[in-house]
All heavy atoms as atom14 arrays in JSON, in Angstrom:
{
  "sequence": "LKGGILAGKMPEDAEEIFKKTDSTKSAAQWALRWVLNNRNIS",
  "atom14_mask": [
    [1, 1, 1, 1, 1, 1, 1, 1, 0, 0, 0, 0, 0, 0],
    [1, 1, 1, 1, 1, 1, 1, 1, 1, 0, 0, 0, 0, 0],
    [1, 1, 1, 1, 0, 0, 0, 0, 0, 0, 0, 0, 0, 0],
    [1, 1, 1, 1, 0, 0, 0, 0, 0, 0, 0, 0, 0, 0],
    [1, 1, 1, 1, 1, 1, 1, 1, 0, 0, 0, 0, 0, 0],
    [1, 1, 1, 1, 1, 1, 1, 1, 0, 0, 0, 0, 0, 0],
    [1, 1, 1, 1, 1, 0, 0, 0, 0, 0, 0, 0, 0, 0],
    [1, 1, 1, 1, 0, 0, 0, 0, 0, 0, 0, 0, 0, 0],
    [1, 1, 1, 1, 1, 1, 1, 1, 1, 0, 0, 0, 0, 0],
    [1, 1, 1, 1, 1, 1, 1, 1, 0, 0, 0, 0, 0, 0],
    [1, 1, 1, 1, 1, 1, 1, 0, 0, 0, 0, 0, 0, 0],
    [1, 1, 1, 1, 1, 1, 1, 1, 1, 0, 0, 0, 0, 0],
    [1, 1, 1, 1, 1, 1, 1, 1, 0, 0, 0, 0, 0, 0],
    [1, 1, 1, 1, 1, 0, 0, 0, 0, 0, 0, 0, 0, 0],
    [1, 1, 1, 1, 1, 1, 1, 1, 1, 0, 0, 0, 0, 0],
    [1, 1, 1, 1, 1, 1, 1, 1, 1, 0, 0, 0, 0, 0],
    [1, 1, 1, 1, 1, 1, 1, 1, 0, 0, 0, 0, 0, 0],
    [1, 1, 1, 1, 1, 1, 1, 1, 1, 1, 1, 0, 0, 0],
    [1, 1, 1, 1, 1, 1, 1, 1, 1, 0, 0, 0, 0, 0],
    [1, 1, 1, 1, 1, 1, 1, 1, 1, 0, 0, 0, 0, 0],
    [1, 1, 1, 1, 1, 1, 1, 0, 0, 0, 0, 0, 0, 0],
    [1, 1, 1, 1, 1, 1, 1, 1, 0, 0, 0, 0, 0, 0],
    [1, 1, 1, 1, 1, 1, 0, 0, 0, 0, 0, 0, 0, 0],
    [1, 1, 1, 1, 1, 1, 1, 0, 0, 0, 0, 0, 0, 0],
    [1, 1, 1, 1, 1, 1, 1, 1, 1, 0, 0, 0, 0, 0],
    [1, 1, 1, 1, 1, 1, 0, 0, 0, 0, 0, 0, 0, 0],
    [1, 1, 1, 1, 1, 0, 0, 0, 0, 0, 0, 0, 0, 0],
    [1, 1, 1, 1, 1, 0, 0, 0, 0, 0, 0, 0, 0, 0],
    [1, 1, 1, 1, 1, 1, 1, 1, 1, 0, 0, 0, 0, 0],
    [1, 1, 1, 1, 1, 1, 1, 1, 1, 1, 1, 1, 1, 1],
    [1, 1, 1, 1, 1, 0, 0, 0, 0, 0, 0, 0, 0, 0],
    [1, 1, 1, 1, 1, 1, 1, 1, 0, 0, 0, 0, 0, 0],
    [1, 1, 1, 1, 1, 1, 1, 1, 1, 1, 1, 0, 0, 0],
    [1, 1, 1, 1, 1, 1, 1, 1, 1, 1, 1, 1, 1, 1],
    [1, 1, 1, 1, 1, 1, 1, 0, 0, 0, 0, 0, 0, 0],
    [1, 1, 1, 1, 1, 1, 1, 1, 0, 0, 0, 0, 0, 0],
    [1, 1, 1, 1, 1, 1, 1, 1, 0, 0, 0, 0, 0, 0],
    [1, 1, 1, 1, 1, 1, 1, 1, 0, 0, 0, 0, 0, 0],
    [1, 1, 1, 1, 1, 1, 1, 1, 1, 1, 1, 0, 0, 0],
    [1, 1, 1, 1, 1, 1, 1, 1, 0, 0, 0, 0, 0, 0],
    [1, 1, 1, 1, 1, 1, 1, 1, 0, 0, 0, 0, 0, 0],
    [1, 1, 1, 1, 1, 1, 0, 0, 0, 0, 0, 0, 0, 0]
  ],
  "atom14_positions": [
    [[92.69, 103.68, 76.36], [93.54, 104.71, 75.76], [93.67, 105.91, 76.7], [94.13, 106.98, 76.3], [92.97, 105.17, 74.41], [92.72, 104.06, 73.38], [92.19, 104.66, 72.09], [94.01, 103.29, 73.11], [0.0, 0.0, 0.0], [0.0, 0.0, 0.0], [0.0, 0.0, 0.0], [0.0, 0.0, 0.0], [0.0, 0.0, 0.0], [0.0, 0.0, 0.0]],
    [[93.25, 105.74, 77.93], [93.34, 106.79, 78.96], [92.72, 108.1, 78.49], [93.35, 109.16, 78.52], [94.79, 106.99, 79.4], [94.94, 107.74, 80.72], [96.37, 107.75, 81.19], [96.52, 108.59, 82.45], [95.73, 108.06, 83.57], [0.0, 0.0, 0.0], [0.0, 0.0, 0.0], [0.0, 0.0, 0.0], [0.0, 0.0, 0.0], [0.0, 0.0, 0.0]],
    [[91.48, 107.99, 78.01], [90.78, 109.18, 77.57], [91.4, 109.84, 76.36], [91.2, 111.03, 76.11], [0.0, 0.0, 0.0], [0.0, 0.0, 0.0], [0.0, 0.0, 0.0], [0.0, 0.0, 0.0], [0.0, 0.0, 0.0], [0.0, 0.0, 0.0], [0.0, 0.0, 0.0], [0.0, 0.0, 0.0], [0.0, 0.0, 0.0], [0.0, 0.0, 0.0]],
    [[92.16, 109.07, 75.57], [92.79, 109.6, 74.36], [94.23, 110.03, 74.55], [94.93, 110.32, 73.57], [0.0, 0.0, 0.0], [0.0, 0.0, 0.0], [0.0, 0.0, 0.0], [0.0, 0.0, 0.0], [0.0, 0.0, 0.0], [0.0, 0.0, 0.0], [0.0, 0.0, 0.0], [0.0, 0.0, 0.0], [0.0, 0.0, 0.0], [0.0, 0.0, 0.0]],
    [[94.7, 110.06, 75.8], [96.08, 110.48, 76.07], [97.08, 109.53, 75.42], [98.15, 109.95, 74.96], [96.34, 110.58, 77.59], [95.54, 111.75, 78.17], [97.83, 110.75, 77.9], [95.62, 111.86, 79.67], [0.0, 0.0, 0.0], [0.0, 0.0, 0.0], [0.0, 0.0, 0.0], [0.0, 0.0, 0.0], [0.0, 0.0, 0.0], [0.0, 0.0, 0.0]],
    [[96.74, 108.25, 75.35], [97.65, 107.25, 74.77], [97.38, 107.03, 73.28], [97.89, 106.08, 72.69], [97.52, 105.92, 75.52], [97.74, 105.99, 77.03], [97.63, 104.6, 77.65], [99.08, 106.62, 77.37], [0.0, 0.0, 0.0], [0.0, 0.0, 0.0], [0.0, 0.0, 0.0], [0.0, 0.0, 0.0], [0.0, 0.0, 0.0], [0.0, 0.0, 0.0]],
    [[96.59, 107.9, 72.69], [96.3, 107.81, 71.25], [96.61, 109.15, 70.6], [96.81, 110.16, 71.27], [94.83, 107.45, 71.03], [0.0, 0.0, 0.0], [0.0, 0.0, 0.0], [0.0, 0.0, 0.0], [0.0, 0.0, 0.0], [0.0, 0.0, 0.0], [0.0, 0.0, 0.0], [0.0, 0.0, 0.0], [0.0, 0.0, 0.0], [0.0, 0.0, 0.0]],
    [[96.64, 109.16, 69.3], [96.88, 110.42, 68.6], [98.29, 110.92, 68.81], [99.25, 110.16, 68.88], [0.0, 0.0, 0.0], [0.0, 0.0, 0.0], [0.0, 0.0, 0.0], [0.0, 0.0, 0.0], [0.0, 0.0, 0.0], [0.0, 0.0, 0.0], [0.0, 0.0, 0.0], [0.0, 0.0, 0.0], [0.0, 0.0, 0.0], [0.0, 0.0, 0.0]],
    [[98.42, 112.23, 68.96], [99.74, 112.84, 69.13], [100.36, 112.43, 70.45], [99.71, 112.39, 71.48], [99.61, 114.36, 69.05], [100.95, 115.07, 69.04], [100.77, 116.58, 68.9], [102.12, 117.29, 68.89], [101.97, 118.76, 68.8], [0.0, 0.0, 0.0], [0.0, 0.0, 0.0], [0.0, 0.0, 0.0], [0.0, 0.0, 0.0], [0.0, 0.0, 0.0]],
    [[101.66, 112.13, 70.4], [102.41, 111.71, 71.58], [103.65, 112.6, 71.71], [104.05, 113.27, 70.75], [102.84, 110.25, 71.44], [101.7, 109.26, 71.29], [100.9, 108.88, 72.86], [102.08, 107.73, 73.56], [0.0, 0.0, 0.0], [0.0, 0.0, 0.0], [0.0, 0.0, 0.0], [0.0, 0.0, 0.0], [0.0, 0.0, 0.0], [0.0, 0.0, 0.0]],
    [[104.28, 112.61, 72.89], [105.57, 113.31, 72.99], [106.55, 112.78, 71.95], [106.52, 111.59, 71.62], [106.02, 112.97, 74.42], [104.76, 112.69, 75.16], [103.85, 112.04, 74.16], [0.0, 0.0, 0.0], [0.0, 0.0, 0.0], [0.0, 0.0, 0.0], [0.0, 0.0, 0.0], [0.0, 0.0, 0.0], [0.0, 0.0, 0.0], [0.0, 0.0, 0.0]],
    [[107.4, 113.64, 71.44], [108.32, 113.25, 70.37], [109.15, 112.02, 70.74], [109.36, 111.13, 69.9], [109.24, 114.42, 70.01], [108.54, 115.56, 69.3], [109.5, 116.64, 68.88], [110.72, 116.42, 68.95], [109.04, 117.72, 68.48], [0.0, 0.0, 0.0], [0.0, 0.0, 0.0], [0.0, 0.0, 0.0], [0.0, 0.0, 0.0], [0.0, 0.0, 0.0]],
    [[109.66, 111.97, 71.96], [110.48, 110.83, 72.38], [109.69, 109.53, 72.31], [110.22, 108.49, 71.91], [111.0, 111.04, 73.8], [112.04, 112.15, 73.88], [112.5, 112.59, 72.82], [112.38, 112.57, 75.01], [0.0, 0.0, 0.0], [0.0, 0.0, 0.0], [0.0, 0.0, 0.0], [0.0, 0.0, 0.0], [0.0, 0.0, 0.0], [0.0, 0.0, 0.0]],
    [[108.42, 109.59, 72.72], [107.57, 108.4, 72.69], [107.3, 107.95, 71.26], [107.35, 106.75, 70.94], [106.26, 108.68, 73.42], [0.0, 0.0, 0.0], [0.0, 0.0, 0.0], [0.0, 0.0, 0.0], [0.0, 0.0, 0.0], [0.0, 0.0, 0.0], [0.0, 0.0, 0.0], [0.0, 0.0, 0.0], [0.0, 0.0, 0.0], [0.0, 0.0, 0.0]],
    [[107.01, 108.9, 70.38], [106.76, 108.57, 68.98], [107.97, 107.91, 68.34], [107.84, 106.95, 67.57], [106.37, 109.84, 68.2], [104.98, 110.36, 68.54], [104.59, 111.55, 67.68], [105.47, 112.07, 66.96], [103.41, 111.94, 67.73], [0.0, 0.0, 0.0], [0.0, 0.0, 0.0], [0.0, 0.0, 0.0], [0.0, 0.0, 0.0], [0.0, 0.0, 0.0]],
    [[109.15, 108.41, 68.66], [110.38, 107.84, 68.09], [110.59, 106.4, 68.55], [111.03, 105.55, 67.78], [111.58, 108.69, 68.48], [111.67, 110.0, 67.72], [111.75, 109.79, 66.21], [112.52, 108.92, 65.78], [111.01, 110.5, 65.48], [0.0, 0.0, 0.0], [0.0, 0.0, 0.0], [0.0, 0.0, 0.0], [0.0, 0.0, 0.0], [0.0, 0.0, 0.0]],
    [[110.27, 106.13, 69.81], [110.42, 104.76, 70.33], [109.48, 103.8, 69.61], [109.89, 102.7, 69.21], [110.16, 104.74, 71.85], [111.25, 105.51, 72.59], [110.09, 103.3, 72.37], [110.94, 105.76, 74.06], [0.0, 0.0, 0.0], [0.0, 0.0, 0.0], [0.0, 0.0, 0.0], [0.0, 0.0, 0.0], [0.0, 0.0, 0.0], [0.0, 0.0, 0.0]],
    [[108.23, 104.21, 69.43], [107.27, 103.36, 68.71], [107.72, 103.14, 67.27], [107.7, 102.01, 66.76], [105.89, 104.01, 68.72], [105.08, 103.73, 69.97], [104.19, 104.69, 70.47], [105.17, 102.52, 70.63], [103.43, 104.44, 71.59], [104.43, 102.26, 71.77], [103.56, 103.22, 72.25], [0.0, 0.0, 0.0], [0.0, 0.0, 0.0], [0.0, 0.0, 0.0]],
    [[108.12, 104.21, 66.59], [108.51, 104.11, 65.18], [109.72, 103.21, 64.98], [109.84, 102.5, 63.98], [108.79, 105.5, 64.62], [107.54, 106.35, 64.4], [107.9, 107.73, 63.88], [106.65, 108.58, 63.67], [107.0, 109.95, 63.21], [0.0, 0.0, 0.0], [0.0, 0.0, 0.0], [0.0, 0.0, 0.0], [0.0, 0.0, 0.0], [0.0, 0.0, 0.0]],
    [[110.64, 103.25, 65.92], [111.85, 102.45, 65.81], [111.53, 100.96, 65.79], [112.17, 100.18, 65.09], [112.79, 102.77, 66.97], [114.16, 102.09, 66.86], [115.06, 102.54, 67.99], [116.43, 101.85, 67.89], [117.33, 102.27, 68.99], [0.0, 0.0, 0.0], [0.0, 0.0, 0.0], [0.0, 0.0, 0.0], [0.0, 0.0, 0.0], [0.0, 0.0, 0.0]],
    [[110.51, 100.56, 66.54], [110.11, 99.14, 66.58], [109.19, 98.79, 65.44], [109.33, 97.75, 64.8], [109.43, 98.82, 67.93], [110.34, 99.11, 68.99], [109.02, 97.35, 67.99], [0.0, 0.0, 0.0], [0.0, 0.0, 0.0], [0.0, 0.0, 0.0], [0.0, 0.0, 0.0], [0.0, 0.0, 0.0], [0.0, 0.0, 0.0], [0.0, 0.0, 0.0]],
    [[108.18, 99.64, 65.16], [107.24, 99.38, 64.07], [106.6, 100.7, 63.64], [105.72, 101.22, 64.32], [106.16, 98.39, 64.52], [105.28, 97.91, 63.39], [105.25, 98.59, 62.34], [104.62, 96.87, 63.53], [0.0, 0.0, 0.0], [0.0, 0.0, 0.0], [0.0, 0.0, 0.0], [0.0, 0.0, 0.0], [0.0, 0.0, 0.0], [0.0, 0.0, 0.0]],
    [[107.04, 101.22, 62.52], [106.56, 102.52, 62.05], [105.16, 102.47, 61.46], [104.56, 103.5, 61.16], [107.52, 103.08, 60.99], [107.59, 102.2, 59.87], [0.0, 0.0, 0.0], [0.0, 0.0, 0.0], [0.0, 0.0, 0.0], [0.0, 0.0, 0.0], [0.0, 0.0, 0.0], [0.0, 0.0, 0.0], [0.0, 0.0, 0.0], [0.0, 0.0, 0.0]],
    [[104.6, 101.27, 61.3], [103.27, 101.14, 60.68], [102.14, 101.25, 61.69], [100.98, 101.42, 61.31], [103.14, 99.8, 59.93], [103.18, 98.72, 60.88], [104.28, 99.63, 58.93], [0.0, 0.0, 0.0], [0.0, 0.0, 0.0], [0.0, 0.0, 0.0], [0.0, 0.0, 0.0], [0.0, 0.0, 0.0], [0.0, 0.0, 0.0], [0.0, 0.0, 0.0]],
    [[102.44, 101.12, 62.97], [101.39, 101.12, 63.99], [101.26, 102.49, 64.65], [102.25, 103.13, 64.97], [101.68, 100.06, 65.05], [101.55, 98.62, 64.55], [101.75, 97.64, 65.7], [101.53, 96.21, 65.24], [102.53, 95.79, 64.25], [0.0, 0.0, 0.0], [0.0, 0.0, 0.0], [0.0, 0.0, 0.0], [0.0, 0.0, 0.0], [0.0, 0.0, 0.0]],
    [[100.02, 102.91, 64.87], [99.75, 104.17, 65.55], [99.85, 103.98, 67.06], [99.87, 102.86, 67.57], [98.35, 104.67, 65.19], [97.36, 103.81, 65.76], [0.0, 0.0, 0.0], [0.0, 0.0, 0.0], [0.0, 0.0, 0.0], [0.0, 0.0, 0.0], [0.0, 0.0, 0.0], [0.0, 0.0, 0.0], [0.0, 0.0, 0.0], [0.0, 0.0, 0.0]],
    [[99.9, 105.09, 67.77], [99.95, 105.03, 69.23], [98.71, 104.32, 69.79], [98.8, 103.54, 70.75], [100.05, 106.45, 69.81], [0.0, 0.0, 0.0], [0.0, 0.0, 0.0], [0.0, 0.0, 0.0], [0.0, 0.0, 0.0], [0.0, 0.0, 0.0], [0.0, 0.0, 0.0], [0.0, 0.0, 0.0], [0.0, 0.0, 0.0], [0.0, 0.0, 0.0]],
    [[97.56, 104.59, 69.18], [96.32, 103.94, 69.63], [96.39, 102.42, 69.44], [95.93, 101.65, 70.29], [95.13, 104.51, 68.87], [0.0, 0.0, 0.0], [0.0, 0.0, 0.0], [0.0, 0.0, 0.0], [0.0, 0.0, 0.0], [0.0, 0.0, 0.0], [0.0, 0.0, 0.0], [0.0, 0.0, 0.0], [0.0, 0.0, 0.0], [0.0, 0.0, 0.0]],
    [[96.95, 101.98, 68.34], [97.08, 100.55, 68.08], [97.99, 99.88, 69.1], [97.71, 98.79, 69.58], [97.6, 100.32, 66.66], [96.57, 100.62, 65.58], [97.16, 100.53, 64.18], [98.24, 101.05, 63.9], [96.46, 99.85, 63.29], [0.0, 0.0, 0.0], [0.0, 0.0, 0.0], [0.0, 0.0, 0.0], [0.0, 0.0, 0.0], [0.0, 0.0, 0.0]],
    [[99.09, 100.54, 69.42], [100.0, 100.0, 70.43], [99.27, 99.84, 71.77], [99.39, 98.8, 72.43], [101.2, 100.93, 70.61], [102.31, 100.73, 69.63], [102.58, 101.48, 68.52], [103.32, 99.71, 69.66], [103.69, 100.99, 67.86], [104.16, 99.91, 68.54], [103.59, 98.65, 70.52], [105.27, 99.09, 68.27], [104.68, 97.83, 70.26], [105.51, 98.06, 69.14]],
    [[98.54, 100.88, 72.17], [97.86, 100.85, 73.46], [96.79, 99.77, 73.53], [96.66, 99.04, 74.52], [97.25, 102.22, 73.75], [0.0, 0.0, 0.0], [0.0, 0.0, 0.0], [0.0, 0.0, 0.0], [0.0, 0.0, 0.0], [0.0, 0.0, 0.0], [0.0, 0.0, 0.0], [0.0, 0.0, 0.0], [0.0, 0.0, 0.0], [0.0, 0.0, 0.0]],
    [[96.01, 99.66, 72.46], [94.93, 98.67, 72.44], [95.48, 97.26, 72.39], [94.97, 96.34, 73.06], [94.01, 98.93, 71.25], [92.63, 98.28, 71.26], [91.86, 98.65, 72.52], [91.84, 98.7, 70.03], [0.0, 0.0, 0.0], [0.0, 0.0, 0.0], [0.0, 0.0, 0.0], [0.0, 0.0, 0.0], [0.0, 0.0, 0.0], [0.0, 0.0, 0.0]],
    [[96.54, 97.05, 71.61], [97.16, 95.72, 71.53], [97.69, 95.3, 72.9], [97.59, 94.13, 73.28], [98.32, 95.73, 70.52], [97.87, 95.77, 69.07], [99.07, 95.77, 68.14], [99.77, 94.49, 68.17], [101.08, 94.36, 68.38], [101.83, 95.42, 68.61], [101.64, 93.16, 68.38], [0.0, 0.0, 0.0], [0.0, 0.0, 0.0], [0.0, 0.0, 0.0]],
    [[98.26, 96.25, 73.62], [98.82, 95.93, 74.94], [97.74, 95.39, 75.88], [97.97, 94.43, 76.61], [99.48, 97.18, 75.53], [100.21, 96.91, 76.81], [101.53, 96.56, 76.97], [99.65, 96.96, 78.13], [101.82, 96.39, 78.3], [100.68, 96.63, 79.04], [98.39, 97.26, 78.63], [100.49, 96.59, 80.42], [98.2, 97.21, 80.0], [99.23, 96.89, 80.88]],
    [[96.57, 96.01, 75.86], [95.48, 95.56, 76.73], [94.97, 94.18, 76.29], [94.8, 93.27, 77.1], [94.33, 96.58, 76.74], [93.17, 96.05, 77.59], [94.81, 97.92, 77.29], [0.0, 0.0, 0.0], [0.0, 0.0, 0.0], [0.0, 0.0, 0.0], [0.0, 0.0, 0.0], [0.0, 0.0, 0.0], [0.0, 0.0, 0.0], [0.0, 0.0, 0.0]],
    [[94.73, 94.03, 74.99], [94.18, 92.77, 74.47], [95.18, 91.62, 74.58], [94.8, 90.45, 74.5], [93.76, 92.95, 73.01], [92.51, 93.81, 72.8], [92.35, 94.16, 71.32], [91.27, 93.09, 73.31], [0.0, 0.0, 0.0], [0.0, 0.0, 0.0], [0.0, 0.0, 0.0], [0.0, 0.0, 0.0], [0.0, 0.0, 0.0], [0.0, 0.0, 0.0]],
    [[96.43, 91.94, 74.76], [97.45, 90.91, 74.91], [97.28, 90.13, 76.22], [97.74, 89.0, 76.34], [98.84, 91.56, 74.87], [99.97, 90.55, 74.85], [100.13, 89.8, 73.89], [100.76, 90.54, 75.91], [0.0, 0.0, 0.0], [0.0, 0.0, 0.0], [0.0, 0.0, 0.0], [0.0, 0.0, 0.0], [0.0, 0.0, 0.0], [0.0, 0.0, 0.0]],
    [[96.6, 90.75, 77.19], [96.38, 90.1, 78.49], [95.3, 89.02, 78.34], [94.16, 89.3, 77.98], [95.93, 91.15, 79.51], [95.87, 90.61, 80.93], [95.48, 89.47, 81.16], [96.25, 91.44, 81.89], [0.0, 0.0, 0.0], [0.0, 0.0, 0.0], [0.0, 0.0, 0.0], [0.0, 0.0, 0.0], [0.0, 0.0, 0.0], [0.0, 0.0, 0.0]],
    [[95.67, 87.8, 78.65], [94.76, 86.66, 78.47], [93.55, 86.71, 79.38], [92.54, 86.01, 79.15], [95.52, 85.36, 78.73], [96.05, 85.23, 80.16], [96.86, 83.98, 80.36], [97.4, 83.92, 81.72], [98.17, 82.93, 82.17], [98.48, 81.93, 81.35], [98.61, 82.93, 83.41], [0.0, 0.0, 0.0], [0.0, 0.0, 0.0], [0.0, 0.0, 0.0]],
    [[93.6, 87.53, 80.43], [92.49, 87.59, 81.38], [91.41, 88.59, 81.0], [90.34, 88.63, 81.63], [93.01, 87.94, 82.78], [93.92, 86.87, 83.34], [93.63, 85.68, 83.23], [95.03, 87.28, 83.95], [0.0, 0.0, 0.0], [0.0, 0.0, 0.0], [0.0, 0.0, 0.0], [0.0, 0.0, 0.0], [0.0, 0.0, 0.0], [0.0, 0.0, 0.0]],
    [[91.67, 89.4, 79.99], [90.71, 90.43, 79.6], [89.64, 89.84, 78.68], [89.95, 89.21, 77.67], [91.42, 91.6, 78.88], [92.5, 92.2, 79.78], [90.41, 92.64, 78.45], [92.01, 92.66, 81.13], [0.0, 0.0, 0.0], [0.0, 0.0, 0.0], [0.0, 0.0, 0.0], [0.0, 0.0, 0.0], [0.0, 0.0, 0.0], [0.0, 0.0, 0.0]],
    [[88.38, 90.06, 79.03], [87.26, 89.54, 78.24], [86.87, 90.49, 77.12], [86.63, 90.08, 75.98], [86.04, 89.3, 79.13], [86.36, 88.48, 80.23], [0.0, 0.0, 0.0], [0.0, 0.0, 0.0], [0.0, 0.0, 0.0], [0.0, 0.0, 0.0], [0.0, 0.0, 0.0], [0.0, 0.0, 0.0], [0.0, 0.0, 0.0], [0.0, 0.0, 0.0]]
  ]
}
């Protein structure tokens, strides 16, 4: 989560982009899902 930068409050433009795709997921959830999506990560 880059020390929390990719979690919690985000720039308004970024929040709108996330909400447009899925308003139920938080910024932290998006960031963590992105990492775990990589099949090489243990």
